[in-house]
C-alpha atoms as a PDB file:
ATOM      1  CA  MET A   1      94.353 113.470  63.351  1.00  0.00           C
ATOM      2  CA  ALA A   2      95.852 112.809  66.385  1.00  0.00           C
ATOM      3  CA  LYS A   3      97.344 109.338  67.214  1.00  0.00           C
ATOM      4  CA  VAL A   4      96.673 107.627  70.953  1.00  0.00           C
ATOM      5  CA  PHE A   5      99.026 105.715  71.779  1.00  0.00           C
ATOM      6  CA  THR A   6      98.449 103.010  74.432  1.00  0.00           C
ATOM      7  CA  ILE A   7     101.211 101.544  77.191  1.00  0.00           C
ATOM      8  CA  THR A   8     100.573  98.317  78.042  1.00  0.00           C
ATOM      9  CA  VAL A   9     101.438  97.046  81.283  1.00  0.00           C
ATOM     10  CA  PRO A  10     101.665  93.260  82.830  1.00  0.00           C
ATOM     11  CA  PRO A  11      99.273  92.350  85.883  1.00  0.00           C
ATOM     12  CA  LYS A  12     101.208  91.605  89.408  1.00  0.00           C
ATOM     13  CA  LEU A  13     100.259  87.995  89.545  1.00  0.00           C
ATOM     14  CA  GLY A  14     102.010  87.694  92.513  1.00  0.00           C
ATOM     15  CA  ASN A  15     100.308  90.372  94.856  1.00  0.00           C
ATOM     16  CA  LYS A  16      98.441  88.842  97.256  1.00  0.00           C
ATOM     17  CA  ARG A  17      95.975  90.420  99.092  1.00  0.00           C
ATOM     18  CA  ARG A  18      96.718  91.296 102.477  1.00  0.00           C
ATOM     19  CA  GLU A  19      94.975  88.950 105.980  1.00  0.00           C
ATOM     20  CA  ARG A  20      92.224  90.503 107.661  1.00  0.00           C
ATOM     21  CA  THR A  21      92.726  90.720 110.618  1.00  0.00           C
ATOM     22  CA  PRO A  22      90.275  93.456 112.930  1.00  0.00           C
ATOM     23  CA  ASP A  23      91.962  95.815 114.813  1.00  0.00           C
ATOM     24  CA  PRO A  24      90.938  96.102 118.349  1.00  0.00           C
ATOM     25  CA  ARG A  25      90.410  99.570 118.572  1.00  0.00           C
ATOM     26  CA  TYR A  26      88.041  99.536 115.891  1.00  0.00           C
ATOM     27  CA  VAL A  27      85.886  97.029 117.554  1.00  0.00           C
ATOM     28  CA  ASP A  28      85.798  98.556 120.391  1.00  0.00           C
ATOM     29  CA  GLY A  29      85.038 101.784 119.517  1.00  0.00           C
ATOM     30  CA  GLN A  30      81.723 100.466 118.014  1.00  0.00           C
ATOM     31  CA  ARG A  31      80.903  99.253 121.193  1.00  0.00           C
ATOM     32  CA  LEU A  32      81.556 102.011 123.304  1.00  0.00           C
ATOM     33  CA  LEU A  33      79.231 103.805 121.005  1.00  0.00           C
ATOM     34  CA  VAL A  34      76.395 101.303 121.311  1.00  0.00           C
ATOM     35  CA  GLU A  35      77.040 101.528 125.196  1.00  0.00           C
ATOM     36  CA  ALA A  36      76.280 104.425 125.009  1.00  0.00           C
ATOM     37  CA  MET A  37      73.501 103.974 122.908  1.00  0.00           C
ATOM     38  CA  LYS A  38      72.233 101.395 125.545  1.00  0.00           C
ATOM     39  CA  TYR A  39      72.973 103.871 128.417  1.00  0.00           C
ATOM     40  CA  LEU A  40      71.031 107.006 127.131  1.00  0.00           C
ATOM     41  CA  ALA A  41      67.692 104.427 125.843  1.00  0.00           C
ATOM     42  CA  GLN A  42      67.501 103.556 129.454  1.00  0.00           C
ATOM     43  CA  ALA A  43      68.237 106.923 131.344  1.00  0.00           C
ATOM     44  CA  ASP A  44      65.139 108.600 129.686  1.00  0.00           C
ATOM     45  CA  PRO A  45      64.448 107.489 126.277  1.00  0.00           C
ATOM     46  CA  ILE A  46      62.494 110.073 125.102  1.00  0.00           C
ATOM     47  CA  ARG A  47      64.572 113.211 126.053  1.00  0.00           C
ATOM     48  CA  ASN A  48      67.781 111.460 124.527  1.00  0.00           C
ATOM     49  CA  ARG A  49      65.970 110.729 121.605  1.00  0.00           C
ATOM     50  CA  SER A  50      67.815 113.074 119.584  1.00  0.00           C
ATOM     51  CA  ALA A  51      71.235 111.791 120.852  1.00  0.00           C
ATOM     52  CA  ILE A  52      70.950 108.038 120.363  1.00  0.00           C
ATOM     53  CA  GLU A  53      69.530 109.143 116.852  1.00  0.00           C
ATOM     54  CA  LEU A  54      72.951 111.386 116.372  1.00  0.00           C
ATOM     55  CA  ILE A  55      75.067 107.766 117.600  1.00  0.00           C
ATOM     56  CA  SER A  56      72.909 105.873 115.408  1.00  0.00           C
ATOM     57  CA  GLU A  57      73.554 107.959 112.665  1.00  0.00           C
ATOM     58  CA  HIS A  58      77.233 108.197 112.959  1.00  0.00           C
ATOM     59  CA  VAL A  59      77.484 104.201 113.401  1.00  0.00           C
ATOM     60  CA  ARG A  60      76.123 104.063 109.945  1.00  0.00           C
ATOM     61  CA  THR A  61      77.870 106.679 107.772  1.00  0.00           C
ATOM     62  CA  ARG A  62      81.070 106.853 109.626  1.00  0.00           C
ATOM     63  CA  PHE A  63      81.893 103.177 110.971  1.00  0.00           C
ATOM     64  CA  ARG A  64      80.589 101.532 107.622  1.00  0.00           C
ATOM     65  CA  MET A  65      81.882 103.578 104.577  1.00  0.00           C
ATOM     66  CA  SER A  66      84.853 105.962 105.432  1.00  0.00           C
ATOM     67  CA  ASP A  67      86.529 103.805 109.182  1.00  0.00           C
ATOM     68  CA  SER A  68      88.004 100.510 107.936  1.00  0.00           C
ATOM     69  CA  PRO A  69      89.854  98.125 110.701  1.00  0.00           C
ATOM     70  CA  LEU A  70      92.507  97.444 108.467  1.00  0.00           C
ATOM     71  CA  ALA A  71      93.778 101.642 107.795  1.00  0.00           C
END
């Protein structure tokens, strides 16, 4: 029968979380995409619907899941 060895590691008590500060490039990128969607909606909402949906999908999936202002 095999033996299982465990190595205990003491917790780091002095590990404080870094203060969150917004990255202006992240915020500007989101603002730019929103302005692009507004422009497309004002120009011709019916013909530009697929482009607006594409940008909207990018904002909902990329910015919320993988992008981080702290990265």
